[in-house]
């Protein structure tokens, strides 16, 4: 009798887009999420600026979707996605973002922190940052203007200003386990998500 072997699937993109796939894939595949690390707004942007960490928000979204579907894990999902609505310093932050930030510091690095939280929550799959370098995304518009930071690119309102191209604030190295996961993958899924701020940044590394 031939035993069914789950295919290895690598999903590449930003947290919001890729995470929508993970809930369905985790039951039928050995899934790895490769996540952009250029988020600069909201809770992630604040933690990035105040604590010098890589943005945790998109990592958290993927971890949340890869949690098992049992009752205990559902409670964990609700808890890590809880967002504080008051309190100096914590208002606007999700508990999961704070937990990841603490794990980064406690474990001595982003990758170790992600592994620690993933193991603690017993997620069904892996979540990998595309890079461990602190870089910003920059968009060059057709009028010569530079928009610095993913958030400012996402929130632009004058769509007569077209994006000519995007680039990184400095050179970044791809996280080595990402390369290994891609080489070993049976299937690679790109997206869904914003082309300029979620998908393409992964290919600039």
N, C-alpha and C. Protein backbone atom coordinates (compact mmCIF):
# COMPACT_ATOMS: atom_id res chain seq x y z
N UNK A 1 0.84 -1.19 0.00
CA UNK A 1 0.00 0.00 0.00
C UNK A 1 0.88 1.24 0.00
N UNK A 2 0.58 2.17 -0.90
CA UNK A 2 1.35 3.41 -0.99
C UNK A 2 0.76 4.44 -0.04
N UNK A 3 1.57 4.95 0.85
CA UNK A 3 1.10 5.98 1.78
C UNK A 3 1.10 7.33 1.09
N UNK A 4 0.07 8.13 1.38
CA UNK A 4 -0.02 9.47 0.80
C UNK A 4 1.03 10.37 1.42
N UNK A 5 1.79 11.02 0.58
CA UNK A 5 2.80 11.96 1.04
C UNK A 5 2.35 13.37 0.68
N UNK A 6 2.23 14.19 1.68
CA UNK A 6 1.79 15.56 1.44
C UNK A 6 2.78 16.30 0.55
N UNK A 7 2.29 17.02 -0.46
CA UNK A 7 3.20 17.81 -1.29
C UNK A 7 3.77 18.99 -0.50
N UNK A 8 4.98 19.36 -0.83
CA UNK A 8 5.60 20.52 -0.20
C UNK A 8 5.24 21.76 -1.01
N UNK A 9 4.56 22.70 -0.36
CA UNK A 9 4.12 23.92 -1.02
C UNK A 9 4.73 25.12 -0.33
N UNK A 10 5.33 26.00 -1.11
CA UNK A 10 5.86 27.27 -0.60
C UNK A 10 4.96 28.39 -1.12
N UNK A 11 4.43 29.20 -0.21
CA UNK A 11 3.60 30.35 -0.57
C UNK A 11 4.38 31.63 -0.28
N UNK A 12 4.53 32.47 -1.29
CA UNK A 12 5.35 33.67 -1.19
C UNK A 12 4.48 34.91 -1.32
N UNK A 13 4.65 35.87 -0.40
CA UNK A 13 3.89 37.11 -0.48
C UNK A 13 3.94 37.88 0.81
N UNK A 14 2.90 38.68 1.04
CA UNK A 14 2.76 39.41 2.29
C UNK A 14 1.84 38.65 3.22
N UNK A 15 1.79 39.07 4.46
CA UNK A 15 1.02 38.32 5.45
C UNK A 15 -0.46 38.24 5.17
N UNK A 16 -1.07 39.35 4.76
CA UNK A 16 -2.52 39.36 4.55
C UNK A 16 -2.93 38.45 3.41
N UNK A 17 -2.19 38.50 2.30
CA UNK A 17 -2.55 37.68 1.15
C UNK A 17 -2.24 36.22 1.35
N UNK A 18 -1.00 35.92 1.72
CA UNK A 18 -0.57 34.53 1.88
C UNK A 18 -1.36 33.83 2.97
N UNK A 19 -1.66 34.54 4.04
CA UNK A 19 -2.34 33.90 5.17
C UNK A 19 -3.71 33.36 4.77
N UNK A 20 -4.35 33.97 3.77
CA UNK A 20 -5.67 33.49 3.34
C UNK A 20 -5.59 32.09 2.73
N UNK A 21 -4.43 31.72 2.23
CA UNK A 21 -4.25 30.39 1.64
C UNK A 21 -3.95 29.32 2.67
N UNK A 22 -3.31 29.72 3.74
CA UNK A 22 -2.71 28.75 4.65
C UNK A 22 -3.73 27.87 5.37
N UNK A 23 -4.86 28.47 5.72
CA UNK A 23 -5.87 27.70 6.43
C UNK A 23 -6.33 26.48 5.66
N UNK A 24 -6.43 26.61 4.33
CA UNK A 24 -6.84 25.48 3.51
C UNK A 24 -5.71 24.53 3.19
N UNK A 25 -4.51 25.09 3.00
CA UNK A 25 -3.38 24.26 2.60
C UNK A 25 -2.82 23.40 3.73
N UNK A 26 -2.95 23.86 4.96
CA UNK A 26 -2.25 23.19 6.07
C UNK A 26 -2.70 21.75 6.27
N UNK A 27 -3.94 21.43 5.88
CA UNK A 27 -4.45 20.07 6.08
C UNK A 27 -4.00 19.11 4.99
N UNK A 28 -3.65 19.64 3.83
CA UNK A 28 -3.37 18.76 2.69
C UNK A 28 -1.94 18.85 2.19
N UNK A 29 -1.14 19.77 2.78
CA UNK A 29 0.22 19.98 2.28
C UNK A 29 1.18 20.28 3.42
N UNK A 30 2.44 20.03 3.15
CA UNK A 30 3.53 20.46 4.02
C UNK A 30 3.86 21.88 3.56
N UNK A 31 3.30 22.87 4.26
CA UNK A 31 3.29 24.24 3.75
C UNK A 31 4.31 25.12 4.45
N UNK A 32 4.96 25.97 3.66
CA UNK A 32 5.89 26.97 4.17
C UNK A 32 5.47 28.33 3.62
N UNK A 33 5.28 29.30 4.50
CA UNK A 33 4.97 30.67 4.09
C UNK A 33 6.25 31.50 4.11
N UNK A 34 6.54 32.16 3.00
CA UNK A 34 7.67 33.08 2.90
C UNK A 34 7.09 34.49 2.88
N UNK A 35 7.46 35.28 3.89
CA UNK A 35 6.75 36.53 4.15
C UNK A 35 7.66 37.75 3.97
N UNK A 36 7.14 38.76 3.29
CA UNK A 36 7.85 40.03 3.13
C UNK A 36 8.07 40.69 4.48
N UNK A 37 9.21 41.35 4.64
CA UNK A 37 9.57 41.99 5.90
C UNK A 37 9.72 43.50 5.76
N UNK A 38 8.89 44.11 4.91
CA UNK A 38 9.02 45.54 4.64
C UNK A 38 7.89 46.37 5.23
N UNK A 39 7.00 45.76 6.02
CA UNK A 39 5.88 46.50 6.61
C UNK A 39 6.40 47.66 7.46
N UNK A 40 5.79 48.83 7.29
CA UNK A 40 6.29 50.01 8.01
C UNK A 40 5.20 50.77 8.75
N UNK A 41 3.98 50.26 8.76
CA UNK A 41 2.88 51.00 9.37
C UNK A 41 2.24 50.28 10.53
N UNK A 42 1.31 50.98 11.19
CA UNK A 42 0.53 50.40 12.27
C UNK A 42 1.38 49.89 13.42
N UNK A 43 0.89 48.84 14.05
CA UNK A 43 1.58 48.25 15.19
C UNK A 43 2.98 47.78 14.81
N UNK A 44 3.10 47.13 13.66
CA UNK A 44 4.41 46.63 13.21
C UNK A 44 5.41 47.76 13.04
N UNK A 45 4.96 48.86 12.43
CA UNK A 45 5.85 50.00 12.24
C UNK A 45 6.31 50.61 13.54
N UNK A 46 5.39 50.69 14.50
CA UNK A 46 5.75 51.24 15.81
C UNK A 46 6.78 50.36 16.52
N UNK A 47 6.53 49.06 16.52
CA UNK A 47 7.47 48.14 17.17
C UNK A 47 8.82 48.15 16.46
N UNK A 48 8.78 48.27 15.17
CA UNK A 48 10.01 48.33 14.38
C UNK A 48 10.83 49.56 14.76
N UNK A 49 10.15 50.70 14.88
CA UNK A 49 10.84 51.95 15.20
C UNK A 49 11.29 52.02 16.66
N UNK A 50 10.45 51.53 17.56
CA UNK A 50 10.73 51.67 18.99
C UNK A 50 11.67 50.60 19.53
N UNK A 51 11.63 49.41 18.94
CA UNK A 51 12.40 48.29 19.49
C UNK A 51 13.46 47.76 18.54
N UNK A 52 13.51 48.29 17.33
CA UNK A 52 14.52 47.85 16.38
C UNK A 52 14.35 46.42 15.90
N UNK A 53 13.10 45.94 15.90
CA UNK A 53 12.83 44.57 15.46
C UNK A 53 12.29 44.58 14.04
N UNK A 54 12.33 43.43 13.39
CA UNK A 54 11.66 43.31 12.11
C UNK A 54 10.15 43.26 12.35
N UNK A 55 9.36 43.77 11.41
CA UNK A 55 7.91 43.88 11.62
C UNK A 55 7.25 42.52 11.87
N UNK A 56 6.53 42.37 12.98
CA UNK A 56 5.96 41.07 13.33
C UNK A 56 4.57 40.80 12.76
N UNK A 57 3.87 41.83 12.27
CA UNK A 57 2.46 41.68 11.94
C UNK A 57 2.14 40.62 10.89
N UNK A 58 2.87 40.62 9.79
CA UNK A 58 2.59 39.65 8.72
C UNK A 58 2.99 38.24 9.13
N UNK A 59 4.06 38.13 9.92
CA UNK A 59 4.44 36.83 10.48
C UNK A 59 3.31 36.29 11.35
N UNK A 60 2.75 37.17 12.19
CA UNK A 60 1.67 36.77 13.09
C UNK A 60 0.46 36.26 12.33
N UNK A 61 0.09 36.95 11.25
CA UNK A 61 -1.07 36.53 10.47
C UNK A 61 -0.91 35.11 9.94
N UNK A 62 0.29 34.79 9.50
CA UNK A 62 0.55 33.45 8.98
C UNK A 62 0.56 32.40 10.09
N UNK A 63 1.18 32.74 11.21
CA UNK A 63 1.17 31.83 12.36
C UNK A 63 -0.26 31.55 12.80
N UNK A 64 -1.08 32.59 12.85
CA UNK A 64 -2.47 32.45 13.27
C UNK A 64 -3.24 31.48 12.37
N UNK A 65 -3.02 31.58 11.07
CA UNK A 65 -3.74 30.71 10.13
C UNK A 65 -3.24 29.28 10.16
N UNK A 66 -2.00 29.08 10.60
CA UNK A 66 -1.44 27.73 10.64
C UNK A 66 -1.69 27.01 11.96
N UNK A 67 -2.38 27.67 12.88
CA UNK A 67 -2.76 27.00 14.12
C UNK A 67 -3.72 25.85 13.82
N UNK A 68 -3.64 24.76 14.57
CA UNK A 68 -4.61 23.67 14.39
C UNK A 68 -6.03 24.17 14.62
N UNK A 69 -7.01 23.39 14.21
CA UNK A 69 -8.40 23.83 14.28
C UNK A 69 -9.13 23.34 15.53
N UNK A 70 -8.40 22.84 16.52
CA UNK A 70 -9.05 22.38 17.75
C UNK A 70 -9.44 23.57 18.62
N UNK A 71 -10.22 23.30 19.65
CA UNK A 71 -10.77 24.36 20.49
C UNK A 71 -9.69 25.16 21.21
N UNK A 72 -8.67 24.47 21.71
CA UNK A 72 -7.60 25.16 22.43
C UNK A 72 -6.85 26.12 21.50
N UNK A 73 -6.56 25.66 20.30
CA UNK A 73 -5.85 26.51 19.34
C UNK A 73 -6.71 27.69 18.91
N UNK A 74 -8.03 27.50 18.84
CA UNK A 74 -8.92 28.61 18.50
C UNK A 74 -8.86 29.70 19.57
N UNK A 75 -8.75 29.28 20.83
CA UNK A 75 -8.60 30.26 21.90
C UNK A 75 -7.29 31.01 21.75
N UNK A 76 -6.22 30.28 21.40
CA UNK A 76 -4.93 30.94 21.16
C UNK A 76 -5.04 31.92 20.00
N UNK A 77 -5.74 31.51 18.94
CA UNK A 77 -5.90 32.38 17.77
C UNK A 77 -6.59 33.68 18.17
N UNK A 78 -7.66 33.56 18.93
CA UNK A 78 -8.38 34.76 19.37
C UNK A 78 -7.50 35.63 20.26
N UNK A 79 -6.72 34.98 21.12
CA UNK A 79 -5.89 35.72 22.07
C UNK A 79 -4.76 36.47 21.38
N UNK A 80 -4.04 35.81 20.48
CA UNK A 80 -2.90 36.49 19.85
C UNK A 80 -3.35 37.58 18.89
N UNK A 81 -4.59 37.48 18.41
CA UNK A 81 -5.11 38.52 17.52
C UNK A 81 -5.83 39.63 18.27
N UNK A 82 -5.93 39.49 19.60
CA UNK A 82 -6.57 40.54 20.39
C UNK A 82 -5.75 41.83 20.30
N UNK A 83 -6.45 42.93 20.05
CA UNK A 83 -5.79 44.22 19.92
C UNK A 83 -6.20 45.13 21.07
N UNK A 84 -5.21 45.72 21.73
CA UNK A 84 -5.47 46.61 22.85
C UNK A 84 -6.11 47.91 22.35
N UNK A 85 -7.14 48.36 23.05
CA UNK A 85 -7.87 49.56 22.65
C UNK A 85 -7.58 50.76 23.55
N UNK A 86 -6.82 50.53 24.59
CA UNK A 86 -6.46 51.64 25.48
C UNK A 86 -5.16 51.30 26.18
N UNK A 87 -4.62 52.30 26.83
CA UNK A 87 -3.38 52.09 27.58
C UNK A 87 -2.18 52.69 26.88
N UNK A 88 -1.48 53.55 27.59
CA UNK A 88 -0.28 54.17 27.03
C UNK A 88 0.73 53.10 26.65
N UNK A 89 1.21 53.16 25.44
CA UNK A 89 2.24 52.24 25.00
C UNK A 89 1.72 50.99 24.32
N UNK A 90 0.55 50.47 24.74
CA UNK A 90 0.06 49.22 24.14
C UNK A 90 -1.16 49.43 23.24
N UNK A 91 -1.80 50.59 23.32
CA UNK A 91 -2.98 50.83 22.48
C UNK A 91 -2.61 50.67 21.00
N UNK A 92 -3.41 49.87 20.29
CA UNK A 92 -3.17 49.65 18.87
C UNK A 92 -2.35 48.42 18.57
N UNK A 93 -1.67 47.89 19.58
CA UNK A 93 -0.87 46.68 19.38
C UNK A 93 -1.73 45.43 19.58
N UNK A 94 -1.44 44.38 18.83
CA UNK A 94 -2.05 43.08 19.10
C UNK A 94 -1.15 42.34 20.09
N UNK A 95 -1.77 41.46 20.86
CA UNK A 95 -0.99 40.68 21.82
C UNK A 95 0.06 39.84 21.09
N UNK A 96 -0.31 39.31 19.94
CA UNK A 96 0.63 38.48 19.18
C UNK A 96 1.85 39.24 18.72
N UNK A 97 1.67 40.49 18.29
CA UNK A 97 2.81 41.31 17.88
C UNK A 97 3.75 41.55 19.06
N UNK A 98 3.18 41.80 20.23
CA UNK A 98 4.00 42.00 21.42
C UNK A 98 4.70 40.70 21.82
N UNK A 99 3.99 39.58 21.67
CA UNK A 99 4.57 38.28 22.01
C UNK A 99 5.75 37.96 21.09
N UNK A 100 5.59 38.21 19.80
CA UNK A 100 6.68 37.97 18.86
C UNK A 100 7.87 38.88 19.13
N UNK A 101 7.59 40.15 19.44
CA UNK A 101 8.66 41.09 19.75
C UNK A 101 9.44 40.63 20.97
N UNK A 102 8.71 40.16 21.99
CA UNK A 102 9.37 39.63 23.19
C UNK A 102 10.20 38.39 22.85
N UNK A 103 9.66 37.53 22.00
CA UNK A 103 10.38 36.31 21.62
C UNK A 103 11.64 36.62 20.83
N UNK A 104 11.56 37.64 19.95
CA UNK A 104 12.76 38.06 19.21
C UNK A 104 13.87 38.43 20.18
N UNK A 105 13.50 39.19 21.21
CA UNK A 105 14.49 39.68 22.17
C UNK A 105 14.97 38.54 23.07
N UNK A 106 14.03 37.75 23.55
CA UNK A 106 14.35 36.68 24.50
C UNK A 106 15.20 35.59 23.84
N UNK A 107 14.87 35.25 22.60
CA UNK A 107 15.57 34.17 21.91
C UNK A 107 16.84 34.66 21.20
N UNK A 108 17.02 35.98 21.14
CA UNK A 108 18.24 36.51 20.55
C UNK A 108 18.22 36.65 19.05
N UNK A 109 17.03 36.84 18.46
CA UNK A 109 16.96 37.04 17.02
C UNK A 109 15.59 36.73 16.46
N UNK A 110 15.31 37.30 15.29
CA UNK A 110 14.00 37.13 14.66
C UNK A 110 13.69 35.67 14.35
N UNK A 111 14.61 34.99 13.69
CA UNK A 111 14.34 33.61 13.27
C UNK A 111 14.12 32.69 14.47
N UNK A 112 14.93 32.87 15.52
CA UNK A 112 14.77 32.05 16.72
C UNK A 112 13.45 32.34 17.42
N UNK A 113 13.06 33.62 17.42
CA UNK A 113 11.79 34.00 18.03
C UNK A 113 10.60 33.40 17.31
N UNK A 114 10.64 33.43 15.98
CA UNK A 114 9.55 32.84 15.19
C UNK A 114 9.47 31.34 15.43
N UNK A 115 10.62 30.68 15.45
CA UNK A 115 10.65 29.23 15.70
C UNK A 115 10.08 28.91 17.08
N UNK A 116 10.43 29.73 18.06
CA UNK A 116 9.97 29.49 19.43
C UNK A 116 8.45 29.60 19.54
N UNK A 117 7.89 30.67 18.98
CA UNK A 117 6.44 30.86 19.04
C UNK A 117 5.72 29.80 18.21
N UNK A 118 6.28 29.46 17.06
CA UNK A 118 5.68 28.42 16.21
C UNK A 118 5.62 27.09 16.94
N UNK A 119 6.70 26.76 17.65
CA UNK A 119 6.74 25.51 18.41
C UNK A 119 5.78 25.55 19.59
N UNK A 120 5.74 26.68 20.27
CA UNK A 120 4.85 26.84 21.42
C UNK A 120 3.39 26.64 21.02
N UNK A 121 3.02 27.18 19.86
CA UNK A 121 1.63 27.12 19.41
C UNK A 121 1.33 25.90 18.54
N UNK A 122 2.37 25.10 18.28
CA UNK A 122 2.20 23.85 17.54
C UNK A 122 1.56 24.07 16.17
N UNK A 123 2.09 25.03 15.41
CA UNK A 123 1.49 25.35 14.12
C UNK A 123 1.74 24.24 13.11
N UNK A 124 0.86 24.17 12.12
CA UNK A 124 0.93 23.14 11.08
C UNK A 124 1.61 23.72 9.84
N UNK A 125 2.92 23.81 9.88
CA UNK A 125 3.66 24.40 8.77
C UNK A 125 4.79 25.26 9.30
N UNK A 126 5.41 26.00 8.38
CA UNK A 126 6.51 26.88 8.76
C UNK A 126 6.24 28.29 8.24
N UNK A 127 6.75 29.26 8.98
CA UNK A 127 6.68 30.66 8.56
C UNK A 127 8.11 31.19 8.54
N UNK A 128 8.54 31.68 7.38
CA UNK A 128 9.90 32.17 7.22
C UNK A 128 9.91 33.62 6.74
N UNK A 129 10.68 34.48 7.37
CA UNK A 129 10.88 35.83 6.84
C UNK A 129 11.75 35.75 5.60
N UNK A 130 11.45 36.54 4.57
CA UNK A 130 12.24 36.46 3.35
C UNK A 130 13.67 36.94 3.58
N UNK A 131 13.84 37.84 4.55
CA UNK A 131 15.17 38.35 4.90
C UNK A 131 15.20 38.68 6.38
N UNK A 132 16.39 38.69 6.94
CA UNK A 132 16.57 39.12 8.33
C UNK A 132 17.18 40.52 8.39
N UNK A 133 17.31 41.16 7.23
CA UNK A 133 17.86 42.52 7.17
C UNK A 133 16.77 43.56 7.32
N UNK A 134 17.08 44.65 7.99
CA UNK A 134 16.14 45.74 8.20
C UNK A 134 16.19 46.66 6.98
N UNK A 135 15.20 46.55 6.11
CA UNK A 135 15.18 47.35 4.88
C UNK A 135 13.80 47.97 4.69
N UNK A 136 13.76 49.07 3.97
CA UNK A 136 12.51 49.72 3.61
C UNK A 136 12.26 49.60 2.12
N UNK A 137 10.99 49.58 1.77
CA UNK A 137 10.59 49.55 0.37
C UNK A 137 10.42 50.99 -0.12
N UNK A 138 10.91 51.27 -1.31
CA UNK A 138 10.81 52.60 -1.90
C UNK A 138 10.20 52.48 -3.29
N UNK A 139 9.23 53.35 -3.59
CA UNK A 139 8.61 53.38 -4.91
C UNK A 139 9.01 54.66 -5.63
N UNK A 140 9.50 54.54 -6.84
CA UNK A 140 9.80 55.69 -7.69
C UNK A 140 8.58 55.96 -8.57
N UNK A 141 8.02 57.18 -8.44
CA UNK A 141 6.85 57.54 -9.22
C UNK A 141 7.26 58.20 -10.53
N UNK A 142 6.30 58.32 -11.45
CA UNK A 142 6.63 58.84 -12.77
C UNK A 142 6.92 60.34 -12.78
N UNK A 143 6.67 61.03 -11.66
CA UNK A 143 7.04 62.44 -11.58
C UNK A 143 8.38 62.63 -10.87
N UNK A 144 9.06 61.53 -10.58
CA UNK A 144 10.37 61.59 -9.93
C UNK A 144 10.33 61.49 -8.43
N UNK A 145 9.14 61.49 -7.84
CA UNK A 145 9.00 61.42 -6.39
C UNK A 145 9.32 60.01 -5.88
N UNK A 146 9.95 59.97 -4.70
CA UNK A 146 10.17 58.70 -4.01
C UNK A 146 9.19 58.58 -2.86
N UNK A 147 8.48 57.48 -2.79
CA UNK A 147 7.67 57.16 -1.62
C UNK A 147 8.44 56.13 -0.81
N UNK A 148 8.80 56.51 0.42
CA UNK A 148 9.64 55.64 1.25
C UNK A 148 8.78 54.96 2.31
N UNK A 149 8.73 53.66 2.27
CA UNK A 149 7.96 52.89 3.25
C UNK A 149 6.73 52.27 2.62
N UNK A 150 6.50 51.02 2.94
CA UNK A 150 5.35 50.28 2.38
C UNK A 150 4.03 50.99 2.64
N UNK A 151 3.88 51.54 3.84
CA UNK A 151 2.62 52.18 4.21
C UNK A 151 2.31 53.36 3.31
N UNK A 152 3.31 54.21 3.04
CA UNK A 152 3.07 55.39 2.21
C UNK A 152 2.77 54.99 0.76
N UNK A 153 3.32 53.87 0.32
CA UNK A 153 3.01 53.38 -1.03
C UNK A 153 1.57 52.88 -1.07
N UNK A 154 1.18 52.13 -0.05
CA UNK A 154 -0.18 51.58 0.01
C UNK A 154 -1.24 52.67 0.12
N UNK A 155 -0.92 53.74 0.86
CA UNK A 155 -1.91 54.76 1.18
C UNK A 155 -1.91 55.94 0.22
N UNK A 156 -1.13 55.88 -0.85
CA UNK A 156 -1.11 57.01 -1.78
C UNK A 156 -2.49 57.20 -2.38
N UNK A 157 -2.87 58.45 -2.59
CA UNK A 157 -4.22 58.77 -3.08
C UNK A 157 -4.23 59.34 -4.49
N UNK A 158 -3.09 59.85 -4.95
CA UNK A 158 -3.02 60.42 -6.30
C UNK A 158 -2.57 59.34 -7.28
N UNK A 159 -3.54 58.68 -7.89
CA UNK A 159 -3.19 57.55 -8.76
C UNK A 159 -2.80 57.99 -10.17
N UNK A 160 -2.80 59.32 -10.40
CA UNK A 160 -2.22 59.82 -11.65
C UNK A 160 -0.71 59.70 -11.60
N UNK A 161 -0.18 59.63 -10.38
CA UNK A 161 1.25 59.37 -10.20
C UNK A 161 1.46 57.85 -10.25
N UNK A 162 1.99 57.38 -11.33
CA UNK A 162 2.17 55.95 -11.52
C UNK A 162 3.50 55.49 -10.93
N UNK A 163 3.51 54.28 -10.44
CA UNK A 163 4.75 53.68 -9.94
C UNK A 163 5.58 53.20 -11.13
N UNK A 164 6.77 53.75 -11.25
CA UNK A 164 7.69 53.34 -12.32
C UNK A 164 8.39 52.03 -11.94
N UNK A 165 8.89 52.00 -10.71
CA UNK A 165 9.55 50.79 -10.23
C UNK A 165 9.70 50.89 -8.72
N UNK A 166 10.03 49.78 -8.09
CA UNK A 166 10.27 49.76 -6.65
C UNK A 166 11.67 49.23 -6.39
N UNK A 167 12.23 49.63 -5.26
CA UNK A 167 13.56 49.14 -4.88
C UNK A 167 13.69 49.19 -3.37
N UNK A 168 14.74 48.58 -2.85
CA UNK A 168 14.97 48.53 -1.41
C UNK A 168 15.94 49.62 -0.99
N UNK A 169 15.80 50.03 0.27
CA UNK A 169 16.64 51.11 0.80
C UNK A 169 18.11 50.72 0.86
N UNK A 170 18.38 49.44 0.96
CA UNK A 170 19.75 48.93 0.90
C UNK A 170 19.70 47.46 0.51
N UNK A 171 20.83 46.93 0.20
CA UNK A 171 20.89 45.54 -0.23
C UNK A 171 20.49 44.62 0.93
N UNK A 172 19.73 43.59 0.61
CA UNK A 172 19.30 42.62 1.62
C UNK A 172 19.63 41.21 1.14
N UNK A 173 19.93 40.35 2.09
CA UNK A 173 20.23 38.96 1.78
C UNK A 173 19.03 38.08 2.08
N UNK A 174 18.76 37.16 1.19
CA UNK A 174 17.66 36.24 1.42
C UNK A 174 18.02 35.31 2.59
N UNK A 175 17.03 35.02 3.41
CA UNK A 175 17.20 34.10 4.53
C UNK A 175 17.42 32.70 3.96
N UNK A 176 18.52 32.06 4.32
CA UNK A 176 18.93 30.80 3.68
C UNK A 176 17.87 29.70 3.72
N UNK A 177 17.14 29.52 4.83
CA UNK A 177 16.10 28.48 4.82
C UNK A 177 15.02 28.71 3.75
N UNK A 178 14.84 29.97 3.33
CA UNK A 178 13.89 30.26 2.26
C UNK A 178 14.35 29.61 0.96
N UNK A 179 15.62 29.77 0.64
CA UNK A 179 16.18 29.16 -0.57
C UNK A 179 16.02 27.65 -0.53
N UNK A 180 16.32 27.06 0.61
CA UNK A 180 16.21 25.60 0.75
C UNK A 180 14.77 25.14 0.59
N UNK A 181 13.83 25.88 1.16
CA UNK A 181 12.42 25.52 1.05
C UNK A 181 11.95 25.58 -0.41
N UNK A 182 12.40 26.58 -1.13
CA UNK A 182 12.02 26.72 -2.55
C UNK A 182 12.60 25.58 -3.37
N UNK A 183 13.85 25.24 -3.11
CA UNK A 183 14.50 24.16 -3.86
C UNK A 183 13.83 22.81 -3.62
N UNK A 184 13.29 22.62 -2.43
CA UNK A 184 12.67 21.34 -2.08
C UNK A 184 11.17 21.30 -2.38
N UNK A 185 10.59 22.42 -2.81
CA UNK A 185 9.14 22.51 -2.99
C UNK A 185 8.65 21.72 -4.20
N UNK A 186 7.48 21.11 -4.04
CA UNK A 186 6.79 20.50 -5.18
C UNK A 186 6.00 21.55 -5.95
N UNK A 187 5.49 22.54 -5.22
CA UNK A 187 4.72 23.62 -5.85
C UNK A 187 5.08 24.94 -5.17
N UNK A 188 5.07 26.01 -5.95
CA UNK A 188 5.32 27.35 -5.42
C UNK A 188 4.13 28.23 -5.79
N UNK A 189 3.55 28.87 -4.78
CA UNK A 189 2.41 29.76 -4.99
C UNK A 189 2.87 31.19 -4.72
N UNK A 190 2.59 32.09 -5.65
CA UNK A 190 2.96 33.49 -5.49
C UNK A 190 1.69 34.30 -5.30
N UNK A 191 1.60 34.99 -4.15
CA UNK A 191 0.41 35.76 -3.85
C UNK A 191 -0.63 34.89 -3.15
N UNK A 192 -1.87 35.41 -3.04
CA UNK A 192 -2.35 36.70 -3.52
C UNK A 192 -1.84 37.86 -2.68
N UNK A 193 -2.10 39.07 -3.17
CA UNK A 193 -1.68 40.24 -2.43
C UNK A 193 -1.34 41.39 -3.35
N UNK A 194 -1.02 42.53 -2.77
CA UNK A 194 -0.65 43.71 -3.53
C UNK A 194 0.64 43.43 -4.31
N UNK A 195 0.63 43.72 -5.60
CA UNK A 195 1.80 43.44 -6.44
C UNK A 195 3.03 44.20 -5.96
N UNK A 196 2.87 45.51 -5.71
CA UNK A 196 4.03 46.35 -5.41
C UNK A 196 4.49 46.26 -3.96
N UNK A 197 3.58 46.00 -3.03
CA UNK A 197 3.98 46.06 -1.62
C UNK A 197 3.99 44.70 -0.91
N UNK A 198 3.44 43.67 -1.52
CA UNK A 198 3.42 42.36 -0.87
C UNK A 198 4.17 41.29 -1.64
N UNK A 199 4.03 41.30 -2.96
CA UNK A 199 4.59 40.22 -3.76
C UNK A 199 6.00 40.54 -4.27
N UNK A 200 6.12 41.62 -5.05
CA UNK A 200 7.41 41.95 -5.67
C UNK A 200 8.54 42.19 -4.66
N UNK A 201 8.28 42.78 -3.48
CA UNK A 201 9.39 42.99 -2.54
C UNK A 201 10.18 41.73 -2.21
N UNK A 202 9.50 40.59 -2.21
CA UNK A 202 10.20 39.33 -1.92
C UNK A 202 11.24 38.99 -2.98
N UNK A 203 11.03 39.47 -4.19
CA UNK A 203 11.93 39.15 -5.29
C UNK A 203 13.01 40.20 -5.49
N UNK A 204 13.00 41.22 -4.63
CA UNK A 204 14.07 42.22 -4.64
C UNK A 204 15.21 41.83 -3.72
N UNK A 205 14.97 40.81 -2.90
CA UNK A 205 15.98 40.38 -1.93
C UNK A 205 17.03 39.51 -2.63
